[in-house]
Protein backbone atom coordinates (compact mmCIF):
# COMPACT_ATOMS: atom_id res chain seq x y z
CA UNK A 1 0.00 0.00 0.00
CA UNK A 2 2.87 2.34 0.77
CA UNK A 3 4.39 1.67 -2.62
CA UNK A 4 1.10 2.48 -4.32
CA UNK A 5 0.81 5.69 -2.30
CA UNK A 6 4.38 6.65 -3.23
CA UNK A 7 3.58 6.07 -6.92
CA UNK A 8 0.63 8.48 -6.76
CA UNK A 9 2.65 10.99 -4.77
CA UNK A 10 5.37 10.81 -7.42
CA UNK A 11 2.84 11.36 -10.20
CA UNK A 12 1.38 14.38 -8.43
CA UNK A 13 4.87 15.83 -7.91
CA UNK A 14 5.75 15.29 -11.58
CA UNK A 15 2.53 17.01 -12.66
CA UNK A 16 3.31 19.87 -10.27
CA UNK A 17 6.63 20.45 -12.02
CA UNK A 18 4.87 20.54 -15.39
CA UNK A 19 2.46 23.13 -13.99
CA UNK A 20 5.41 25.28 -12.93
CA UNK A 21 6.77 25.01 -16.47
CA UNK A 22 3.45 26.22 -17.93
CA UNK A 23 1.79 22.96 -19.04
CA UNK A 24 -1.65 23.89 -17.80
CA UNK A 25 -4.54 21.70 -18.91
CA UNK A 26 -2.99 18.24 -19.09
CA UNK A 27 -0.72 18.78 -16.09
CA UNK A 28 -3.57 20.08 -13.94
CA UNK A 29 -5.67 17.07 -14.88
CA UNK A 30 -2.86 14.64 -14.01
CA UNK A 31 -2.21 16.50 -10.75
CA UNK A 32 -5.87 16.24 -9.73
CA UNK A 33 -6.10 12.53 -10.62
CA UNK A 34 -2.95 11.63 -8.68
CA UNK A 35 -4.14 13.57 -5.62
CA UNK A 36 -7.54 11.86 -5.70
CA UNK A 37 -5.97 8.42 -5.98
CA UNK A 38 -3.53 9.15 -3.15
CA UNK A 39 -6.28 10.47 -0.90
CA UNK A 40 -8.55 7.54 -1.72
CA UNK A 41 -5.80 5.05 -0.87
CA UNK A 42 -4.94 6.69 2.45
CA UNK A 43 -8.58 7.04 3.37
CA UNK A 44 -9.71 3.52 2.39
CA UNK A 45 -6.77 1.86 4.17
CA UNK A 46 -6.76 4.03 7.27
CA UNK A 47 -6.00 1.00 9.42
CA UNK A 48 -2.55 0.87 7.86
CA UNK A 49 -1.92 4.61 7.71
CA UNK A 50 -3.81 6.18 10.62
CA UNK A 51 -0.71 6.62 12.80
CA UNK A 52 1.39 8.33 10.13
CA UNK A 53 -1.46 10.23 8.49
CA UNK A 54 -3.99 11.67 10.95
CA UNK A 55 -7.19 13.27 9.69
CA UNK A 56 -5.49 16.66 9.55
CA UNK A 57 -3.11 15.37 6.87
CA UNK A 58 -5.97 14.00 4.78
CA UNK A 59 -7.78 17.32 5.08
CA UNK A 60 -4.72 19.10 3.67
CA UNK A 61 -4.82 16.91 0.56
CA UNK A 62 -8.57 17.42 0.24
CA UNK A 63 -8.20 21.21 0.50
CA UNK A 64 -5.55 21.33 -2.23
CA UNK A 65 -7.62 19.10 -4.52
CA UNK A 66 -10.77 21.13 -3.84
CA UNK A 67 -9.01 24.38 -4.79
CA UNK A 68 -8.32 22.97 -8.26
CA UNK A 69 -12.03 22.30 -8.92
CA UNK A 70 -13.10 25.72 -10.26
CA UNK A 71 -10.42 25.73 -12.96
CA UNK A 72 -11.28 22.22 -14.09
CA UNK A 73 -15.02 23.00 -14.06
CA UNK A 74 -14.56 26.13 -16.19
CA UNK A 75 -12.32 24.22 -18.60
CA UNK A 76 -14.89 21.45 -19.15
CA UNK A 77 -17.81 23.86 -19.42
CA UNK A 78 -15.95 26.01 -21.95
CA UNK A 79 -15.16 22.96 -24.09
CA UNK A 80 -18.86 22.03 -24.19
CA UNK A 81 -20.03 25.57 -24.92
CA UNK A 82 -17.58 25.93 -27.82
CA UNK A 83 -19.10 22.89 -29.54
CA UNK A 84 -22.48 24.68 -29.76
CA UNK A 85 -21.33 27.64 -31.85
CA UNK A 86 -22.20 26.12 -35.24
CA UNK A 87 -25.77 25.23 -34.16
CA UNK A 88 -26.79 28.71 -33.01
CA UNK A 89 -28.64 31.38 -34.98
CA UNK A 90 -26.82 34.64 -35.75
CA UNK A 91 -28.92 36.50 -33.18
CA UNK A 92 -27.92 34.01 -30.48
CA UNK A 93 -24.18 34.13 -31.02
CA UNK A 94 -23.57 37.30 -28.99
CA UNK A 95 -24.76 35.63 -25.80
CA UNK A 96 -22.82 32.50 -26.62
CA UNK A 97 -19.64 34.54 -27.18
CA UNK A 98 -20.15 36.43 -23.91
CA UNK A 99 -20.57 33.16 -22.00
CA UNK A 100 -17.43 31.73 -23.61
CA UNK A 101 -15.46 34.83 -22.62
CA UNK A 102 -16.64 34.59 -19.02
CA UNK A 103 -15.67 30.93 -18.79
CA UNK A 104 -12.28 31.61 -20.38
CA UNK A 105 -11.55 34.40 -17.90
CA UNK A 106 -12.62 32.24 -14.97
CA UNK A 107 -10.51 29.31 -16.18
CA UNK A 108 -7.41 31.45 -16.67
CA UNK A 109 -7.78 33.11 -13.27
CA UNK A 110 -8.12 29.70 -11.63
CA UNK A 111 -5.01 28.49 -13.44
CA UNK A 112 -3.10 31.48 -12.14
CA UNK A 113 -4.24 30.69 -8.60
CA UNK A 114 -3.11 27.09 -9.00
CA UNK A 115 0.30 28.20 -10.23
CA UNK A 116 0.60 30.88 -7.56
CA UNK A 117 -0.71 29.14 -4.45
CA UNK A 118 -1.59 25.47 -4.80
CA UNK A 119 1.66 24.40 -6.43
CA UNK A 120 3.59 26.12 -3.64
CA UNK A 121 1.52 24.53 -0.87
CA UNK A 122 1.84 21.05 -2.33
CA UNK A 123 5.65 21.13 -2.41
CA UNK A 124 5.97 21.06 1.39
CA UNK A 125 3.15 18.53 1.72
CA UNK A 126 4.82 16.14 -0.76
CA UNK A 127 8.11 16.27 1.14
CA UNK A 128 6.35 15.45 4.41
CA UNK A 129 4.26 12.64 2.94
CA UNK A 130 7.22 11.05 1.17
CA UNK A 131 9.18 10.85 4.42
CA UNK A 132 6.21 9.32 6.26
CA UNK A 133 5.60 6.70 3.57
CA UNK A 134 9.21 5.61 3.21
CA UNK A 135 9.92 5.03 6.90
CA UNK A 136 7.64 3.67 9.62
CA UNK A 137 7.69 1.66 12.84
CA UNK A 138 5.73 -1.44 13.75
CA UNK A 139 5.11 -2.62 17.31
CA UNK A 140 5.33 -6.35 17.99
CA UNK A 141 3.60 -8.10 20.88
CA UNK A 142 5.75 -11.20 21.56
CA UNK A 143 3.13 -12.64 23.87
CA UNK A 144 0.43 -12.49 21.20
CA UNK A 145 2.11 -12.57 17.78
CA UNK A 146 -0.14 -11.85 14.82
CA UNK A 147 0.25 -11.77 11.07
CA UNK A 148 -0.25 -8.42 9.38
CA UNK A 149 -3.28 -8.09 7.13
CA UNK A 150 -2.53 -8.75 3.47
CA UNK A 151 -3.15 -6.14 0.80
CA UNK A 152 -5.80 -8.40 -0.79
CA UNK A 153 -7.65 -8.74 2.52
CA UNK A 154 -7.47 -5.00 3.22
CA UNK A 155 -8.69 -4.22 -0.29
CA UNK A 156 -11.53 -6.72 0.02
CA UNK A 157 -12.75 -5.13 3.23
CA UNK A 158 -12.51 -1.59 1.86
CA UNK A 159 -14.23 -2.61 -1.40
CA UNK A 160 -17.17 -4.15 0.43
CA UNK A 161 -17.81 -0.96 2.36
CA UNK A 162 -17.21 1.37 -0.60
CA UNK A 163 -19.41 -0.72 -2.95
CA UNK A 164 -22.29 -0.69 -0.48
CA UNK A 165 -21.96 3.07 -0.10
CA UNK A 166 -21.88 3.55 -3.88
CA UNK A 167 -25.06 1.53 -4.49
CA UNK A 168 -26.82 3.30 -1.62
CA UNK A 169 -25.98 6.73 -3.01
CA UNK A 170 -26.97 5.69 -6.53
CA UNK A 171 -30.37 4.59 -5.22
CA UNK A 172 -30.92 8.07 -3.75
CA UNK A 173 -30.76 9.66 -7.21
CA UNK A 174 -34.32 10.26 -8.41
CA UNK A 175 -34.20 13.01 -11.05
CA UNK A 176 -31.85 15.06 -13.22
CA UNK A 177 -32.28 17.92 -10.74
CA UNK A 178 -30.80 15.92 -7.84
CA UNK A 179 -27.46 17.69 -8.02
CA UNK A 180 -26.10 16.74 -4.59
CA UNK A 181 -27.24 13.10 -4.87
CA UNK A 182 -25.70 12.71 -8.32
CA UNK A 183 -22.41 14.26 -7.19
CA UNK A 184 -22.26 11.99 -4.13
CA UNK A 185 -22.91 8.91 -6.28
CA UNK A 186 -20.15 9.92 -8.71
CA UNK A 187 -17.60 10.35 -5.91
CA UNK A 188 -18.64 7.01 -4.40
CA UNK A 189 -18.23 5.24 -7.76
CA UNK A 190 -14.80 6.79 -8.18
CA UNK A 191 -13.70 5.48 -4.77
CA UNK A 192 -14.74 1.93 -5.62
CA UNK A 193 -12.89 2.12 -8.92
CA UNK A 194 -9.73 3.44 -7.29
CA UNK A 195 -9.78 0.48 -4.89
CA UNK A 196 -10.23 -2.07 -7.67
CA UNK A 197 -7.63 -0.71 -10.11
CA UNK A 198 -4.47 -1.60 -8.13
CA UNK A 199 -5.37 -5.31 -8.13
CA UNK A 200 -6.35 -5.48 -11.81
CA UNK A 201 -2.87 -6.53 -13.03
CA UNK A 202 -3.13 -9.71 -10.90
CA UNK A 203 -6.86 -10.36 -10.65
CA UNK A 204 -8.71 -10.50 -13.97
CA UNK A 205 -12.05 -10.26 -12.17
CA UNK A 206 -11.33 -6.58 -11.44
CA UNK A 207 -11.50 -5.55 -15.09
CA UNK A 208 -15.28 -5.70 -15.59
CA UNK A 209 -16.28 -3.69 -12.48
CA UNK A 210 -13.61 -1.11 -13.33
CA UNK A 211 -15.08 -0.67 -16.81
CA UNK A 212 -18.63 -0.33 -15.45
CA UNK A 213 -17.56 2.12 -12.74
CA UNK A 214 -15.68 4.23 -15.29
CA UNK A 215 -18.82 4.42 -17.46
CA UNK A 216 -20.96 5.38 -14.45
CA UNK A 217 -18.44 7.98 -13.36
CA UNK A 218 -18.36 9.55 -16.84
CA UNK A 219 -22.16 9.63 -17.06
CA UNK A 220 -22.63 11.21 -13.64
CA UNK A 221 -19.69 13.54 -14.27
CA UNK A 222 -21.18 14.98 -17.44
CA UNK A 223 -24.52 15.38 -15.69
CA UNK A 224 -22.80 17.25 -12.83
CA UNK A 225 -20.86 19.48 -15.23
CA UNK A 226 -24.13 20.39 -16.92
CA UNK A 227 -25.71 21.29 -13.59
CA UNK A 228 -22.80 23.61 -12.75
CA UNK A 229 -23.02 25.27 -16.17
CA UNK A 230 -26.78 25.72 -15.80
CA UNK A 231 -26.18 27.53 -12.50
CA UNK A 232 -23.63 29.79 -14.19
CA UNK A 233 -26.05 30.61 -17.02
CA UNK A 234 -28.80 31.37 -14.51
CA UNK A 235 -26.48 33.78 -12.72
CA UNK A 236 -25.55 35.49 -16.00
CA UNK A 237 -29.22 35.89 -16.90
CA UNK A 238 -29.97 37.30 -13.45
CA UNK A 239 -27.19 39.88 -13.91
CA UNK A 240 -28.60 40.81 -17.33
CA UNK A 241 -32.05 41.31 -15.84
CA UNK A 242 -30.60 43.43 -13.03
CA UNK A 243 -28.85 45.69 -15.55
CA UNK A 244 -32.05 45.87 -17.60
CA UNK A 245 -34.05 46.95 -14.55
CA UNK A 246 -31.47 49.61 -13.66
CA UNK A 247 -31.57 50.98 -17.22
CA UNK A 248 -35.36 51.12 -17.30
CA UNK A 249 -35.59 52.81 -13.90
CA UNK A 250 -32.94 55.36 -14.85
CA UNK A 251 -34.72 56.11 -18.12
CA UNK A 252 -38.08 56.43 -16.39
CA UNK A 253 -36.67 58.84 -13.80
CA UNK A 254 -35.09 60.96 -16.54
CA UNK A 255 -37.71 63.60 -17.17
CA UNK A 256 -36.04 64.64 -20.41
CA UNK A 257 -36.57 61.24 -22.06
CA UNK A 258 -39.61 60.85 -24.25
CA UNK A 259 -41.61 57.71 -24.98
CA UNK A 260 -41.25 54.24 -23.56
CA UNK A 261 -37.76 53.22 -22.29
CA UNK A 262 -36.14 50.67 -24.58
CA UNK A 263 -33.61 47.94 -23.91
CA UNK A 264 -30.34 47.98 -25.89
CA UNK A 265 -30.38 45.49 -28.79
CA UNK A 266 -27.03 44.03 -27.71
CA UNK A 267 -28.48 43.03 -24.36
CA UNK A 268 -31.46 41.34 -26.02
CA UNK A 269 -29.14 39.34 -28.26
CA UNK A 270 -27.02 38.32 -25.29
CA UNK A 271 -30.10 37.07 -23.45
CA UNK A 272 -31.23 35.13 -26.53
CA UNK A 273 -27.84 33.43 -26.76
CA UNK A 274 -27.81 32.43 -23.12
CA UNK A 275 -31.31 30.99 -23.37
CA UNK A 276 -30.32 29.05 -26.50
CA UNK A 277 -27.37 27.50 -24.66
CA UNK A 278 -29.64 26.69 -21.72
CA UNK A 279 -32.08 24.89 -24.04
CA UNK A 280 -29.27 22.81 -25.53
CA UNK A 281 -28.04 22.07 -22.03
CA UNK A 282 -31.52 20.96 -20.96
CA UNK A 283 -31.80 18.61 -23.93
CA UNK A 284 -28.44 17.03 -23.13
CA UNK A 285 -29.31 16.71 -19.45
CA UNK A 286 -32.52 14.85 -20.31
CA UNK A 287 -30.60 12.48 -22.60
CA UNK A 288 -28.05 11.75 -19.90
CA UNK A 289 -30.62 11.10 -17.20
CA UNK A 290 -32.66 8.86 -19.53
CA UNK A 291 -29.53 6.74 -20.06
CA UNK A 292 -28.82 6.72 -16.33
CA UNK A 293 -32.39 5.73 -15.50
CA UNK A 294 -32.43 2.95 -18.10
CA UNK A 295 -29.10 1.36 -17.22
CA UNK A 296 -28.39 2.19 -13.58
CA UNK A 297 -31.40 3.22 -11.50
CA UNK A 298 -33.48 0.56 -9.81
CA UNK A 299 -32.45 -2.87 -8.57
CA UNK A 300 -33.29 -4.44 -11.95
CA UNK A 301 -31.38 -1.95 -14.10
CA UNK A 302 -29.20 -4.11 -16.40
CA UNK A 303 -25.80 -2.44 -16.06
CA UNK A 304 -26.23 -1.97 -12.32
CA UNK A 305 -27.03 -5.68 -12.05
CA UNK A 306 -23.89 -6.55 -14.03
CA UNK A 307 -21.81 -4.34 -11.75
CA UNK A 308 -23.18 -5.96 -8.60
CA UNK A 309 -22.48 -9.43 -9.98
CA UNK A 310 -18.98 -8.41 -11.08
CA UNK A 311 -18.21 -7.03 -7.63
CA UNK A 312 -19.26 -10.34 -6.07
CA UNK A 313 -16.87 -12.21 -8.39
CA UNK A 314 -14.09 -9.77 -7.51
CA UNK A 315 -14.76 -10.26 -3.80
CA UNK A 316 -14.46 -14.03 -4.23
CA UNK A 317 -11.20 -13.64 -6.15
CA UNK A 318 -9.75 -11.43 -3.43
CA UNK A 319 -10.80 -13.99 -0.82
CA UNK A 320 -8.87 -16.69 -2.66
CA UNK A 321 -5.92 -14.35 -2.95
CA UNK A 322 -4.74 -15.42 -6.37
CA UNK A 323 -5.41 -14.47 -9.97
CA UNK A 324 -8.55 -15.96 -11.37
CA UNK A 325 -8.31 -16.18 -15.13
CA UNK A 326 -11.56 -15.72 -17.02
CA UNK A 327 -12.27 -17.13 -20.50
CA UNK A 328 -11.35 -14.60 -23.15
CA UNK A 329 -10.06 -12.11 -20.60
CA UNK A 330 -7.15 -9.89 -21.47
CA UNK A 331 -5.34 -7.07 -19.79
CA UNK A 332 -6.54 -3.79 -21.19
CA UNK A 333 -4.24 -0.93 -21.99
CA UNK A 334 -4.79 2.78 -22.19
CA UNK A 335 -4.92 5.75 -19.90
CA UNK A 336 -7.62 5.69 -17.26
CA UNK A 337 -8.44 8.95 -15.59
């Protein structure tokens, strides 16, 4: 477990150096993934790490990871918004362009904060964690000798708890508007996947649940990203309406103005563009939730059922403690996020 933790710590440190050198998007992504995997490992196997890594240490990792969220969110939202440009009417493009500018500015400001603050804070944390992971003490009771828990046994125990939590949180998701429930289910699915991935090179039974969990994570992740973007659009529309009200009141109070106060055409076009993006976002959200409902929600949902069965097989393989080859199975390659 310590070796796995050191691997993730090394990956985060390497990504940090790339951030310092100006490699923003890919390096930030790799930094976030490595931090999440490290935190998940330390948290899921607290029995092995609790002495060296008290809750305060885990909170420090969580705080650094959390501070990278706004930049990543703006980056993903901007990428989705850009794809809509060709489908919009000319009158809607002003609002679309304004939204893209806002997201670009927010992303760039978040990147600057990461480079200015988070990268600096992580340097000292990495040094401390590396020292703790590389050297430790173990007490031995000669009167009652005991064998240390194996990695397979520790993983099996953590997987059972994390899998139950994931299915429970997934069952709480009832509609596309359940933002907090969907986010909680996504995080829970990610934790189960991070527990299963380290044993995949030796236990073939881990491959199928990993694939299903990755698909669930992607589905819930896109739904969550859409919810965040919808909130941003709502805020932009509210600001437009506030400016409109201020303009109308000012024009009404101006005794020298004649006729009915009018709204600037540019502001009308901006509103039209924002509403057009919101409609597209709503359509995509409905598609995503329909897929989620069909495949994952309810005890008889087919993909959920396959995941539950695959997790049972993985649990049995971990109990045996050796690789269980499956007909036609093969080790997959590629970069998992």
